[in-house]
Amino acid sequence: MEKVAARVCALFKIEKAELVQRSRLNNISKGRELLVYWSNKELGISGREVASYLGISSAAICKKIRLGEKLAREGKYKLNS
């Protein structure tokens, strides 16, 4: 998951520490959504493990997966680019 976090940080120009902080700032929030989507759907990491990494609830993971998928599709973001 560390490589995914590094990729997200590079895309959104944020620090890794910002991903795990509670924040609703646009870039940080979008970064978390993409991190959750890629970690879960692209790499098969369990939602529970991703939730633990980010310090959020498992219920929040489901919502972030949907938002991350939409963001990846609309922004044409790829994990391996």
PDB file of N, CA and C in Angstrom:
ATOM      1  N   MET A   1       0.821  -1.187   0.000  1.00  0.00           N
ATOM      2  CA  MET A   1       0.000   0.000   0.000  1.00  0.00           C
ATOM      3  C   MET A   1       0.870   1.257   0.000  1.00  0.00           C
ATOM      4  N   GLU A   2       2.103   1.118   0.435  1.00  0.00           N
ATOM      5  CA  GLU A   2       3.013   2.265   0.477  1.00  0.00           C
ATOM      6  C   GLU A   2       3.285   2.818  -0.922  1.00  0.00           C
ATOM      7  N   LYS A   3       3.419   1.941  -1.905  1.00  0.00           N
ATOM      8  CA  LYS A   3       3.665   2.398  -3.279  1.00  0.00           C
ATOM      9  C   LYS A   3       2.446   3.125  -3.832  1.00  0.00           C
ATOM     10  N   VAL A   4       1.266   2.647  -3.477  1.00  0.00           N
ATOM     11  CA  VAL A   4       0.033   3.314  -3.905  1.00  0.00           C
ATOM     12  C   VAL A   4      -0.029   4.705  -3.271  1.00  0.00           C
ATOM     13  N   ALA A   5       0.293   4.784  -1.991  1.00  0.00           N
ATOM     14  CA  ALA A   5       0.285   6.070  -1.293  1.00  0.00           C
ATOM     15  C   ALA A   5       1.281   7.031  -1.941  1.00  0.00           C
ATOM     16  N   ALA A   6       2.452   6.533  -2.310  1.00  0.00           N
ATOM     17  CA  ALA A   6       3.456   7.380  -2.955  1.00  0.00           C
ATOM     18  C   ALA A   6       2.946   7.894  -4.300  1.00  0.00           C
ATOM     19  N   ARG A   7       2.281   7.039  -5.055  1.00  0.00           N
ATOM     20  CA  ARG A   7       1.724   7.437  -6.362  1.00  0.00           C
ATOM     21  C   ARG A   7       0.655   8.511  -6.187  1.00  0.00           C
ATOM     22  N   VAL A   8      -0.237   8.313  -5.220  1.00  0.00           N
ATOM     23  CA  VAL A   8      -1.301   9.278  -4.944  1.00  0.00           C
ATOM     24  C   VAL A   8      -0.702  10.623  -4.517  1.00  0.00           C
ATOM     25  N   CYS A   9       0.278  10.574  -3.646  1.00  0.00           N
ATOM     26  CA  CYS A   9       0.925  11.806  -3.177  1.00  0.00           C
ATOM     27  C   CYS A   9       1.559  12.571  -4.330  1.00  0.00           C
ATOM     28  N   ALA A  10       2.172  11.861  -5.246  1.00  0.00           N
ATOM     29  CA  ALA A  10       2.786  12.507  -6.399  1.00  0.00           C
ATOM     30  C   ALA A  10       1.728  13.144  -7.303  1.00  0.00           C
ATOM     31  N   LEU A  11       0.615  12.444  -7.506  1.00  0.00           N
ATOM     32  CA  LEU A  11      -0.446  12.965  -8.373  1.00  0.00           C
ATOM     33  C   LEU A  11      -1.081  14.229  -7.808  1.00  0.00           C
ATOM     34  N   PHE A  12      -1.328  14.229  -6.495  1.00  0.00           N
ATOM     35  CA  PHE A  12      -2.071  15.328  -5.880  1.00  0.00           C
ATOM     36  C   PHE A  12      -1.187  16.326  -5.142  1.00  0.00           C
ATOM     37  N   LYS A  13       0.130  16.106  -5.227  1.00  0.00           N
ATOM     38  CA  LYS A  13       1.096  17.013  -4.593  1.00  0.00           C
ATOM     39  C   LYS A  13       0.799  17.219  -3.102  1.00  0.00           C
ATOM     40  N   ILE A  14       0.686  16.085  -2.411  1.00  0.00           N
ATOM     41  CA  ILE A  14       0.459  16.100  -0.968  1.00  0.00           C
ATOM     42  C   ILE A  14       1.491  15.194  -0.304  1.00  0.00           C
ATOM     43  N   GLU A  15       1.619  15.339   0.992  1.00  0.00           N
ATOM     44  CA  GLU A  15       2.528  14.509   1.775  1.00  0.00           C
ATOM     45  C   GLU A  15       1.798  13.260   2.242  1.00  0.00           C
ATOM     46  N   LYS A  16       2.533  12.186   2.428  1.00  0.00           N
ATOM     47  CA  LYS A  16       1.935  10.931   2.885  1.00  0.00           C
ATOM     48  C   LYS A  16       1.223  11.105   4.226  1.00  0.00           C
ATOM     49  N   ALA A  17       1.807  11.897   5.106  1.00  0.00           N
ATOM     50  CA  ALA A  17       1.193  12.130   6.422  1.00  0.00           C
ATOM     51  C   ALA A  17      -0.189  12.767   6.288  1.00  0.00           C
ATOM     52  N   GLU A  18      -0.401  13.552   5.234  1.00  0.00           N
ATOM     53  CA  GLU A  18      -1.701  14.197   5.032  1.00  0.00           C
ATOM     54  C   GLU A  18      -2.792  13.184   4.682  1.00  0.00           C
ATOM     55  N   LEU A  19      -2.422  12.072   4.068  1.00  0.00           N
ATOM     56  CA  LEU A  19      -3.415  11.050   3.702  1.00  0.00           C
ATOM     57  C   LEU A  19      -4.085  10.444   4.920  1.00  0.00           C
ATOM     58  N   VAL A  20      -3.349  10.317   6.001  1.00  0.00           N
ATOM     59  CA  VAL A  20      -3.904   9.655   7.182  1.00  0.00           C
ATOM     60  C   VAL A  20      -4.463  10.641   8.199  1.00  0.00           C
ATOM     61  N   GLN A  21      -4.382  11.929   7.913  1.00  0.00           N
ATOM     62  CA  GLN A  21      -4.977  12.930   8.795  1.00  0.00           C
ATOM     63  C   GLN A  21      -6.427  13.145   8.410  1.00  0.00           C
ATOM     64  N   ARG A  22      -7.218  13.538   9.382  1.00  0.00           N
ATOM     65  CA  ARG A  22      -8.605  13.881   9.079  1.00  0.00           C
ATOM     66  C   ARG A  22      -8.613  15.246   8.412  1.00  0.00           C
ATOM     67  N   SER A  23      -9.105  15.275   7.199  1.00  0.00           N
ATOM     68  CA  SER A  23      -9.147  16.521   6.451  1.00  0.00           C
ATOM     69  C   SER A  23     -10.167  16.408   5.348  1.00  0.00           C
ATOM     70  N   ARG A  24     -10.805  17.511   5.072  1.00  0.00           N
ATOM     71  CA  ARG A  24     -11.746  17.549   3.959  1.00  0.00           C
ATOM     72  C   ARG A  24     -11.242  18.432   2.832  1.00  0.00           C
ATOM     73  N   LEU A  25      -9.968  18.784   2.906  1.00  0.00           N
ATOM     74  CA  LEU A  25      -9.394  19.562   1.819  1.00  0.00           C
ATOM     75  C   LEU A  25      -9.473  18.743   0.545  1.00  0.00           C
ATOM     76  N   ASN A  26      -9.774  19.390  -0.547  1.00  0.00           N
ATOM     77  CA  ASN A  26     -10.081  18.711  -1.800  1.00  0.00           C
ATOM     78  C   ASN A  26      -9.006  17.724  -2.252  1.00  0.00           C
ATOM     79  N   ASN A  27      -7.763  18.154  -2.343  1.00  0.00           N
ATOM     80  CA  ASN A  27      -6.712  17.254  -2.827  1.00  0.00           C
ATOM     81  C   ASN A  27      -6.489  16.074  -1.895  1.00  0.00           C
ATOM     82  N   ILE A  28      -6.550  16.312  -0.603  1.00  0.00           N
ATOM     83  CA  ILE A  28      -6.330  15.234   0.359  1.00  0.00           C
ATOM     84  C   ILE A  28      -7.477  14.239   0.301  1.00  0.00           C
ATOM     85  N   SER A  29      -8.687  14.743   0.250  1.00  0.00           N
ATOM     86  CA  SER A  29      -9.863  13.882   0.180  1.00  0.00           C
ATOM     87  C   SER A  29      -9.855  13.037  -1.098  1.00  0.00           C
ATOM     88  N   LYS A  30      -9.559  13.668  -2.210  1.00  0.00           N
ATOM     89  CA  LYS A  30      -9.495  12.934  -3.482  1.00  0.00           C
ATOM     90  C   LYS A  30      -8.363  11.908  -3.461  1.00  0.00           C
ATOM     91  N   GLY A  31      -7.258  12.280  -2.864  1.00  0.00           N
ATOM     92  CA  GLY A  31      -6.142  11.348  -2.748  1.00  0.00           C
ATOM     93  C   GLY A  31      -6.516  10.106  -1.961  1.00  0.00           C
ATOM     94  N   ARG A  32      -7.223  10.301  -0.858  1.00  0.00           N
ATOM     95  CA  ARG A  32      -7.673   9.154  -0.052  1.00  0.00           C
ATOM     96  C   ARG A  32      -8.625   8.273  -0.844  1.00  0.00           C
ATOM     97  N   GLU A  33      -9.548   8.897  -1.575  1.00  0.00           N
ATOM     98  CA  GLU A  33     -10.503   8.123  -2.379  1.00  0.00           C
ATOM     99  C   GLU A  33      -9.773   7.258  -3.403  1.00  0.00           C
ATOM    100  N   LEU A  34      -8.808   7.837  -4.069  1.00  0.00           N
ATOM    101  CA  LEU A  34      -8.051   7.087  -5.073  1.00  0.00           C
ATOM    102  C   LEU A  34      -7.200   5.994  -4.424  1.00  0.00           C
ATOM    103  N   LEU A  35      -6.611   6.292  -3.282  1.00  0.00           N
ATOM    104  CA  LEU A  35      -5.827   5.299  -2.548  1.00  0.00           C
ATOM    105  C   LEU A  35      -6.695   4.104  -2.166  1.00  0.00           C
ATOM    106  N   VAL A  36      -7.883   4.368  -1.671  1.00  0.00           N
ATOM    107  CA  VAL A  36      -8.800   3.293  -1.271  1.00  0.00           C
ATOM    108  C   VAL A  36      -9.206   2.462  -2.480  1.00  0.00           C
ATOM    109  N   TYR A  37      -9.587   3.129  -3.552  1.00  0.00           N
ATOM    110  CA  TYR A  37     -10.025   2.412  -4.754  1.00  0.00           C
ATOM    111  C   TYR A  37      -8.900   1.534  -5.312  1.00  0.00           C
ATOM    112  N   TRP A  38      -7.733   2.124  -5.528  1.00  0.00           N
ATOM    113  CA  TRP A  38      -6.623   1.353  -6.088  1.00  0.00           C
ATOM    114  C   TRP A  38      -6.201   0.212  -5.174  1.00  0.00           C
ATOM    115  N   SER A  39      -6.121   0.485  -3.877  1.00  0.00           N
ATOM    116  CA  SER A  39      -5.683  -0.550  -2.933  1.00  0.00           C
ATOM    117  C   SER A  39      -6.651  -1.723  -2.919  1.00  0.00           C
ATOM    118  N   ASN A  40      -7.930  -1.404  -2.897  1.00  0.00           N
ATOM    119  CA  ASN A  40      -8.933  -2.457  -2.789  1.00  0.00           C
ATOM    120  C   ASN A  40      -9.218  -3.140  -4.118  1.00  0.00           C
ATOM    121  N   LYS A  41      -9.522  -2.390  -5.130  1.00  0.00           N
ATOM    122  CA  LYS A  41      -9.967  -2.977  -6.398  1.00  0.00           C
ATOM    123  C   LYS A  41      -8.824  -3.393  -7.318  1.00  0.00           C
ATOM    124  N   GLU A  42      -7.747  -2.643  -7.326  1.00  0.00           N
ATOM    125  CA  GLU A  42      -6.642  -2.973  -8.226  1.00  0.00           C
ATOM    126  C   GLU A  42      -5.672  -3.977  -7.597  1.00  0.00           C
ATOM    127  N   LEU A  43      -5.441  -3.840  -6.286  1.00  0.00           N
ATOM    128  CA  LEU A  43      -4.461  -4.705  -5.621  1.00  0.00           C
ATOM    129  C   LEU A  43      -5.084  -5.790  -4.750  1.00  0.00           C
ATOM    130  N   GLY A  44      -6.395  -5.716  -4.507  1.00  0.00           N
ATOM    131  CA  GLY A  44      -7.079  -6.739  -3.735  1.00  0.00           C
ATOM    132  C   GLY A  44      -6.852  -6.675  -2.228  1.00  0.00           C
ATOM    133  N   ILE A  45      -6.417  -5.538  -1.730  1.00  0.00           N
ATOM    134  CA  ILE A  45      -6.218  -5.377  -0.289  1.00  0.00           C
ATOM    135  C   ILE A  45      -7.587  -5.207   0.354  1.00  0.00           C
ATOM    136  N   SER A  46      -7.816  -5.876   1.455  1.00  0.00           N
ATOM    137  CA  SER A  46      -9.135  -5.851   2.086  1.00  0.00           C
ATOM    138  C   SER A  46      -9.503  -4.446   2.545  1.00  0.00           C
ATOM    139  N   GLY A  47     -10.787  -4.185   2.522  1.00  0.00           N
ATOM    140  CA  GLY A  47     -11.290  -2.893   2.993  1.00  0.00           C
ATOM    141  C   GLY A  47     -10.925  -2.636   4.438  1.00  0.00           C
ATOM    142  N   ARG A  48     -10.937  -3.676   5.237  1.00  0.00           N
ATOM    143  CA  ARG A  48     -10.586  -3.546   6.650  1.00  0.00           C
ATOM    144  C   ARG A  48      -9.137  -3.097   6.810  1.00  0.00           C
ATOM    145  N   GLU A  49      -8.243  -3.659   6.007  1.00  0.00           N
ATOM    146  CA  GLU A  49      -6.833  -3.289   6.083  1.00  0.00           C
ATOM    147  C   GLU A  49      -6.615  -1.846   5.629  1.00  0.00           C
ATOM    148  N   VAL A  50      -7.309  -1.450   4.570  1.00  0.00           N
ATOM    149  CA  VAL A  50      -7.198  -0.069   4.090  1.00  0.00           C
ATOM    150  C   VAL A  50      -7.762   0.889   5.137  1.00  0.00           C
ATOM    151  N   ALA A  51      -8.889   0.523   5.736  1.00  0.00           N
ATOM    152  CA  ALA A  51      -9.495   1.358   6.780  1.00  0.00           C
ATOM    153  C   ALA A  51      -8.536   1.544   7.950  1.00  0.00           C
ATOM    154  N   SER A  52      -7.883   0.474   8.334  1.00  0.00           N
ATOM    155  CA  SER A  52      -6.921   0.541   9.429  1.00  0.00           C
ATOM    156  C   SER A  52      -5.749   1.449   9.071  1.00  0.00           C
ATOM    157  N   TYR A  53      -5.258   1.349   7.854  1.00  0.00           N
ATOM    158  CA  TYR A  53      -4.136   2.176   7.387  1.00  0.00           C
ATOM    159  C   TYR A  53      -4.487   3.663   7.444  1.00  0.00           C
ATOM    160  N   LEU A  54      -5.718   3.987   7.046  1.00  0.00           N
ATOM    161  CA  LEU A  54      -6.139   5.385   7.000  1.00  0.00           C
ATOM    162  C   LEU A  54      -6.776   5.872   8.305  1.00  0.00           C
ATOM    163  N   GLY A  55      -7.091   4.939   9.193  1.00  0.00           N
ATOM    164  CA  GLY A  55      -7.730   5.323  10.450  1.00  0.00           C
ATOM    165  C   GLY A  55      -9.177   5.749  10.280  1.00  0.00           C
ATOM    166  N   ILE A  56      -9.887   5.088   9.349  1.00  0.00           N
ATOM    167  CA  ILE A  56     -11.295   5.389   9.126  1.00  0.00           C
ATOM    168  C   ILE A  56     -12.111   4.108   9.286  1.00  0.00           C
ATOM    169  N   SER A  57     -13.427   4.247   9.287  1.00  0.00           N
ATOM    170  CA  SER A  57     -14.294   3.088   9.492  1.00  0.00           C
ATOM    171  C   SER A  57     -14.409   2.259   8.217  1.00  0.00           C
ATOM    172  N   SER A  58     -14.783   1.014   8.393  1.00  0.00           N
ATOM    173  CA  SER A  58     -14.998   0.128   7.244  1.00  0.00           C
ATOM    174  C   SER A  58     -16.149   0.628   6.388  1.00  0.00           C
ATOM    175  N   ALA A  59     -17.149   1.243   7.025  1.00  0.00           N
ATOM    176  CA  ALA A  59     -18.289   1.782   6.275  1.00  0.00           C
ATOM    177  C   ALA A  59     -17.836   2.910   5.355  1.00  0.00           C
ATOM    178  N   ALA A  60     -16.910   3.717   5.800  1.00  0.00           N
ATOM    179  CA  ALA A  60     -16.401   4.824   4.977  1.00  0.00           C
ATOM    180  C   ALA A  60     -15.650   4.299   3.760  1.00  0.00           C
ATOM    181  N   ILE A  61     -15.073   3.125   3.887  1.00  0.00           N
ATOM    182  CA  ILE A  61     -14.323   2.527   2.782  1.00  0.00           C
ATOM    183  C   ILE A  61     -15.226   2.285   1.578  1.00  0.00           C
ATOM    184  N   CYS A  62     -16.416   1.770   1.808  1.00  0.00           N
ATOM    185  CA  CYS A  62     -17.350   1.482   0.708  1.00  0.00           C
ATOM    186  C   CYS A  62     -17.648   2.740  -0.098  1.00  0.00           C
ATOM    187  N   LYS A  63     -17.896   3.826   0.596  1.00  0.00           N
ATOM    188  CA  LYS A  63     -18.186   5.086  -0.080  1.00  0.00           C
ATOM    189  C   LYS A  63     -16.959   5.584  -0.835  1.00  0.00           C
ATOM    190  N   LYS A  64     -15.798   5.486  -0.236  1.00  0.00           N
ATOM    191  CA  LYS A  64     -14.570   5.969  -0.868  1.00  0.00           C
ATOM    192  C   LYS A  64     -14.200   5.119  -2.086  1.00  0.00           C
ATOM    193  N   ILE A  65     -14.538   3.848  -2.075  1.00  0.00           N
ATOM    194  CA  ILE A  65     -14.286   3.002  -3.253  1.00  0.00           C
ATOM    195  C   ILE A  65     -15.090   3.530  -4.433  1.00  0.00           C
ATOM    196  N   ARG A  66     -16.366   3.806  -4.208  1.00  0.00           N
ATOM    197  CA  ARG A  66     -17.214   4.328  -5.290  1.00  0.00           C
ATOM    198  C   ARG A  66     -16.701   5.678  -5.791  1.00  0.00           C
ATOM    199  N   LEU A  67     -16.382   6.568  -4.862  1.00  0.00           N
ATOM    200  CA  LEU A  67     -15.885   7.890  -5.242  1.00  0.00           C
ATOM    201  C   LEU A  67     -14.536   7.798  -5.945  1.00  0.00           C
ATOM    202  N   GLY A  68     -13.677   6.907  -5.463  1.00  0.00           N
ATOM    203  CA  GLY A  68     -12.369   6.724  -6.075  1.00  0.00           C
ATOM    204  C   GLY A  68     -12.460   6.164  -7.476  1.00  0.00           C
ATOM    205  N   GLU A  69     -13.380   5.249  -7.675  1.00  0.00           N
ATOM    206  CA  GLU A  69     -13.579   4.678  -9.019  1.00  0.00           C
ATOM    207  C   GLU A  69     -14.020   5.763  -9.996  1.00  0.00           C
ATOM    208  N   LYS A  70     -14.967   6.584  -9.559  1.00  0.00           N
ATOM    209  CA  LYS A  70     -15.455   7.673 -10.391  1.00  0.00           C
ATOM    210  C   LYS A  70     -14.325   8.661 -10.698  1.00  0.00           C
ATOM    211  N   LEU A  71     -13.547   8.997  -9.696  1.00  0.00           N
ATOM    212  CA  LEU A  71     -12.424   9.915  -9.860  1.00  0.00           C
ATOM    213  C   LEU A  71     -11.388   9.356 -10.843  1.00  0.00           C
ATOM    214  N   ALA A  72     -11.062   8.079 -10.697  1.00  0.00           N
ATOM    215  CA  ALA A  72     -10.088   7.442 -11.583  1.00  0.00           C
ATOM    216  C   ALA A  72     -10.573   7.446 -13.027  1.00  0.00           C
ATOM    217  N   ARG A  73     -11.849   7.167 -13.198  1.00  0.00           N
ATOM    218  CA  ARG A  73     -12.428   7.112 -14.544  1.00  0.00           C
ATOM    219  C   ARG A  73     -12.467   8.511 -15.169  1.00  0.00           C
ATOM    220  N   GLU A  74     -13.002   9.484 -14.440  1.00  0.00           N
ATOM    221  CA  GLU A  74     -13.158  10.834 -14.986  1.00  0.00           C
ATOM    222  C   GLU A  74     -11.822  11.549 -15.167  1.00  0.00           C
ATOM    223  N   GLY A  75     -10.884  11.313 -14.238  1.00  0.00           N
ATOM    224  CA  GLY A  75      -9.596  11.973 -14.324  1.00  0.00           C
ATOM    225  C   GLY A  75      -8.590  11.179 -15.123  1.00  0.00           C
ATOM    226  N   LYS A  76      -9.013  10.004 -15.585  1.00  0.00           N
ATOM    227  CA  LYS A  76      -8.144   9.096 -16.339  1.00  0.00           C
ATOM    228  C   LYS A  76      -6.849   8.784 -15.590  1.00  0.00           C
ATOM    229  N   TYR A  77      -6.984   8.609 -14.270  1.00  0.00           N
ATOM    230  CA  TYR A  77      -5.840   8.251 -13.441  1.00  0.00           C
ATOM    231  C   TYR A  77      -5.600   6.750 -13.524  1.00  0.00           C
ATOM    232  N   LYS A  78      -4.363   6.357 -13.670  1.00  0.00           N
ATOM    233  CA  LYS A  78      -3.978   4.954 -13.717  1.00  0.00           C
ATOM    234  C   LYS A  78      -2.953   4.712 -12.615  1.00  0.00           C
ATOM    235  N   LEU A  79      -3.035   3.566 -11.978  1.00  0.00           N
ATOM    236  CA  LEU A  79      -2.099   3.229 -10.913  1.00  0.00           C
ATOM    237  C   LEU A  79      -0.682   3.106 -11.457  1.00  0.00           C
ATOM    238  N   ASN A  80      -0.536   2.448 -12.572  1.00  0.00           N
ATOM    239  CA  ASN A  80       0.791   2.225 -13.161  1.00  0.00           C
ATOM    240  C   ASN A  80       1.000   3.112 -14.377  1.00  0.00           C
ATOM    241  N   SER A  81       1.230   4.379 -14.130  1.00  0.00           N
ATOM    242  CA  SER A  81       1.486   5.299 -15.250  1.00  0.00           C
ATOM    243  C   SER A  81       2.711   6.118 -14.999  1.00  0.00           C
TER     244      SER A  81
END
